[in-house]
N, C-alpha and C. Protein backbone atom coordinates (compact mmCIF):
# COMPACT_ATOMS: atom_id res chain seq x y z
N UNK A 1 122.49 -4.39 86.25
CA UNK A 1 122.15 -3.60 87.43
C UNK A 1 121.28 -2.42 87.03
N UNK A 2 121.56 -1.84 85.88
CA UNK A 2 120.83 -0.64 85.48
C UNK A 2 119.35 -0.93 85.26
N UNK A 3 119.04 -2.11 84.71
CA UNK A 3 117.64 -2.42 84.41
C UNK A 3 116.81 -2.64 85.67
N UNK A 4 117.34 -3.39 86.63
CA UNK A 4 116.56 -3.75 87.81
C UNK A 4 116.97 -2.99 89.07
N UNK A 5 118.08 -2.33 89.00
CA UNK A 5 118.58 -1.49 90.09
C UNK A 5 118.41 -2.09 91.47
N UNK A 6 117.55 -1.52 92.27
CA UNK A 6 117.41 -1.91 93.68
C UNK A 6 116.71 -3.25 93.86
N UNK A 7 116.05 -3.76 92.82
CA UNK A 7 115.35 -5.04 92.93
C UNK A 7 116.32 -6.21 93.12
N UNK A 8 117.57 -6.08 92.62
CA UNK A 8 118.52 -7.19 92.74
C UNK A 8 119.39 -7.08 93.99
N UNK A 9 119.30 -5.99 94.69
CA UNK A 9 120.06 -5.84 95.93
C UNK A 9 119.39 -6.64 97.05
N UNK A 10 120.14 -6.92 98.11
CA UNK A 10 119.59 -7.67 99.23
C UNK A 10 118.29 -7.03 99.72
N UNK A 11 117.26 -7.87 99.85
CA UNK A 11 115.95 -7.37 100.26
C UNK A 11 115.03 -7.05 99.08
N UNK A 12 115.59 -6.97 97.88
CA UNK A 12 114.80 -6.68 96.69
C UNK A 12 114.08 -7.91 96.17
N UNK A 13 113.05 -7.68 95.36
CA UNK A 13 112.22 -8.77 94.86
C UNK A 13 112.96 -9.72 93.90
N UNK A 14 114.05 -9.29 93.31
CA UNK A 14 114.80 -10.13 92.37
C UNK A 14 116.17 -10.58 92.93
N UNK A 15 116.41 -10.32 94.20
CA UNK A 15 117.71 -10.65 94.79
C UNK A 15 118.03 -12.14 94.73
N UNK A 16 117.11 -13.00 95.14
CA UNK A 16 117.36 -14.45 95.17
C UNK A 16 117.65 -14.97 93.77
N UNK A 17 116.87 -14.56 92.78
CA UNK A 17 117.11 -15.00 91.40
C UNK A 17 118.44 -14.49 90.89
N UNK A 18 118.79 -13.29 91.22
CA UNK A 18 120.05 -12.71 90.78
C UNK A 18 121.23 -13.47 91.37
N UNK A 19 121.16 -13.82 92.65
CA UNK A 19 122.23 -14.56 93.30
C UNK A 19 122.35 -15.98 92.72
N UNK A 20 121.21 -16.61 92.44
CA UNK A 20 121.23 -17.95 91.83
C UNK A 20 121.88 -17.90 90.46
N UNK A 21 121.57 -16.88 89.68
CA UNK A 21 122.17 -16.75 88.35
C UNK A 21 123.68 -16.52 88.45
N UNK A 22 124.12 -15.66 89.35
CA UNK A 22 125.55 -15.41 89.52
C UNK A 22 126.29 -16.67 89.98
N UNK A 23 125.66 -17.47 90.82
CA UNK A 23 126.25 -18.74 91.26
C UNK A 23 126.41 -19.68 90.07
N UNK A 24 125.37 -19.77 89.23
CA UNK A 24 125.43 -20.63 88.05
C UNK A 24 126.52 -20.16 87.09
N UNK A 25 126.62 -18.85 86.84
CA UNK A 25 127.62 -18.36 85.90
C UNK A 25 129.04 -18.61 86.41
N UNK A 26 129.23 -18.59 87.71
CA UNK A 26 130.55 -18.85 88.28
C UNK A 26 130.99 -20.29 88.04
N UNK A 27 130.04 -21.22 87.90
CA UNK A 27 130.36 -22.63 87.67
C UNK A 27 130.40 -22.99 86.19
N UNK A 28 129.95 -22.13 85.31
CA UNK A 28 129.79 -22.46 83.89
C UNK A 28 131.08 -22.96 83.25
N UNK A 29 132.19 -22.25 83.40
CA UNK A 29 133.43 -22.62 82.72
C UNK A 29 134.02 -23.93 83.20
N UNK A 30 133.93 -24.25 84.48
CA UNK A 30 134.62 -25.42 85.00
C UNK A 30 133.73 -26.58 85.37
N UNK A 31 132.45 -26.46 85.18
CA UNK A 31 131.52 -27.47 85.64
C UNK A 31 131.56 -28.75 84.81
N UNK A 32 131.50 -29.89 85.49
CA UNK A 32 131.37 -31.19 84.83
C UNK A 32 129.98 -31.77 85.05
N UNK A 33 129.12 -31.02 85.66
CA UNK A 33 127.79 -31.49 85.99
C UNK A 33 126.93 -31.64 84.74
N UNK A 34 125.80 -32.25 84.88
CA UNK A 34 124.89 -32.44 83.77
C UNK A 34 124.17 -31.18 83.33
N UNK A 35 124.42 -30.10 84.01
CA UNK A 35 123.76 -28.86 83.64
C UNK A 35 124.49 -28.17 82.50
N UNK A 36 123.95 -27.09 82.03
CA UNK A 36 124.62 -26.35 80.95
C UNK A 36 125.98 -25.90 81.43
N UNK A 37 127.00 -26.20 80.65
CA UNK A 37 128.35 -25.82 81.00
C UNK A 37 129.16 -25.63 79.73
N UNK A 38 130.29 -24.97 79.85
CA UNK A 38 131.18 -24.73 78.72
C UNK A 38 131.60 -26.05 78.09
N UNK A 39 132.02 -27.01 78.90
CA UNK A 39 132.48 -28.31 78.36
C UNK A 39 131.36 -29.03 77.63
N UNK A 40 130.18 -29.02 78.19
CA UNK A 40 129.05 -29.69 77.54
C UNK A 40 128.70 -29.00 76.23
N UNK A 41 128.72 -27.70 76.20
CA UNK A 41 128.45 -26.98 74.96
C UNK A 41 129.52 -27.28 73.92
N UNK A 42 130.78 -27.34 74.33
CA UNK A 42 131.86 -27.65 73.40
C UNK A 42 131.67 -29.04 72.79
N UNK A 43 131.33 -30.03 73.60
CA UNK A 43 131.12 -31.39 73.10
C UNK A 43 129.93 -31.46 72.16
N UNK A 44 128.94 -30.64 72.38
CA UNK A 44 127.72 -30.70 71.59
C UNK A 44 127.80 -29.98 70.25
N UNK A 45 128.87 -29.24 70.03
CA UNK A 45 128.98 -28.52 68.76
C UNK A 45 129.29 -29.48 67.63
N UNK A 46 128.55 -29.39 66.56
CA UNK A 46 128.83 -30.20 65.38
C UNK A 46 129.92 -29.50 64.58
N UNK A 47 130.77 -30.29 63.92
CA UNK A 47 131.79 -29.65 63.08
C UNK A 47 131.12 -28.80 62.00
N UNK A 48 131.50 -27.55 61.89
CA UNK A 48 130.87 -26.68 60.89
C UNK A 48 131.32 -27.04 59.48
N UNK A 49 130.52 -26.65 58.51
CA UNK A 49 130.85 -26.91 57.11
C UNK A 49 131.56 -25.74 56.46
N UNK A 50 131.93 -24.77 57.27
CA UNK A 50 132.64 -23.60 56.75
C UNK A 50 133.79 -23.28 57.71
N UNK A 51 134.75 -22.49 57.26
CA UNK A 51 135.84 -22.10 58.16
C UNK A 51 135.31 -21.30 59.36
N UNK A 52 135.92 -21.52 60.50
CA UNK A 52 135.49 -20.85 61.73
C UNK A 52 136.69 -20.14 62.35
N UNK A 53 136.49 -18.91 62.75
CA UNK A 53 137.51 -18.18 63.49
C UNK A 53 137.02 -18.13 64.93
N UNK A 54 137.78 -18.73 65.82
CA UNK A 54 137.40 -18.78 67.23
C UNK A 54 138.08 -17.64 67.97
N UNK A 55 137.28 -16.78 68.58
CA UNK A 55 137.80 -15.66 69.35
C UNK A 55 137.69 -16.02 70.83
N UNK A 56 138.81 -16.24 71.46
CA UNK A 56 138.85 -16.71 72.83
C UNK A 56 139.67 -15.75 73.69
N UNK A 57 139.00 -14.86 74.39
CA UNK A 57 139.70 -13.88 75.21
C UNK A 57 140.17 -14.47 76.54
N UNK A 58 139.84 -15.73 76.80
CA UNK A 58 140.34 -16.38 78.02
C UNK A 58 141.83 -16.71 77.87
N UNK A 59 142.28 -16.96 76.64
CA UNK A 59 143.66 -17.38 76.42
C UNK A 59 144.47 -16.39 75.59
N UNK A 60 143.83 -15.40 75.02
CA UNK A 60 144.52 -14.42 74.18
C UNK A 60 144.00 -13.03 74.51
N UNK A 61 144.84 -12.05 74.33
CA UNK A 61 144.39 -10.67 74.56
C UNK A 61 143.49 -10.24 73.42
N UNK A 62 142.65 -9.27 73.68
CA UNK A 62 141.78 -8.73 72.64
C UNK A 62 142.63 -8.16 71.51
N UNK A 63 143.72 -7.49 71.85
CA UNK A 63 144.60 -6.91 70.82
C UNK A 63 145.20 -8.02 69.95
N UNK A 64 145.62 -9.12 70.56
CA UNK A 64 146.18 -10.23 69.81
C UNK A 64 145.15 -10.85 68.87
N UNK A 65 143.92 -11.00 69.36
CA UNK A 65 142.86 -11.55 68.52
C UNK A 65 142.55 -10.62 67.35
N UNK A 66 142.51 -9.32 67.63
CA UNK A 66 142.25 -8.35 66.56
C UNK A 66 143.35 -8.40 65.50
N UNK A 67 144.57 -8.56 65.93
CA UNK A 67 145.70 -8.66 65.00
C UNK A 67 145.56 -9.89 64.12
N UNK A 68 145.25 -11.02 64.73
CA UNK A 68 145.07 -12.26 63.96
C UNK A 68 143.90 -12.14 62.98
N UNK A 69 142.81 -11.57 63.45
CA UNK A 69 141.63 -11.41 62.60
C UNK A 69 141.90 -10.48 61.44
N UNK A 70 142.58 -9.39 61.69
CA UNK A 70 142.93 -8.43 60.64
C UNK A 70 143.81 -9.10 59.60
N UNK A 71 144.78 -9.88 60.05
CA UNK A 71 145.66 -10.60 59.12
C UNK A 71 144.86 -11.55 58.25
N UNK A 72 143.94 -12.30 58.84
CA UNK A 72 143.12 -13.25 58.08
C UNK A 72 142.22 -12.53 57.07
N UNK A 73 141.63 -11.42 57.49
CA UNK A 73 140.73 -10.70 56.60
C UNK A 73 141.47 -10.04 55.44
N UNK A 74 142.72 -9.69 55.65
CA UNK A 74 143.50 -9.02 54.60
C UNK A 74 144.22 -10.01 53.69
N UNK A 75 144.14 -11.30 53.98
CA UNK A 75 144.87 -12.27 53.13
C UNK A 75 144.01 -12.80 52.02
């Protein structure tokens, strides 16, 4: 909002694009469509060749993740 301010409000030159983007982001996590989505990105990830720490604030609190990460880094 700070960058485009009044341009993204109703009647502004960027309003339609802003609303389209917000609509797309609302569908990202649960979408099964052929468009870019969380599920499609997850399926497309190749198994990494190094250890990975997944930080997921959808299922864990930030404090819980920080605790787990601190424990791993100190071990």
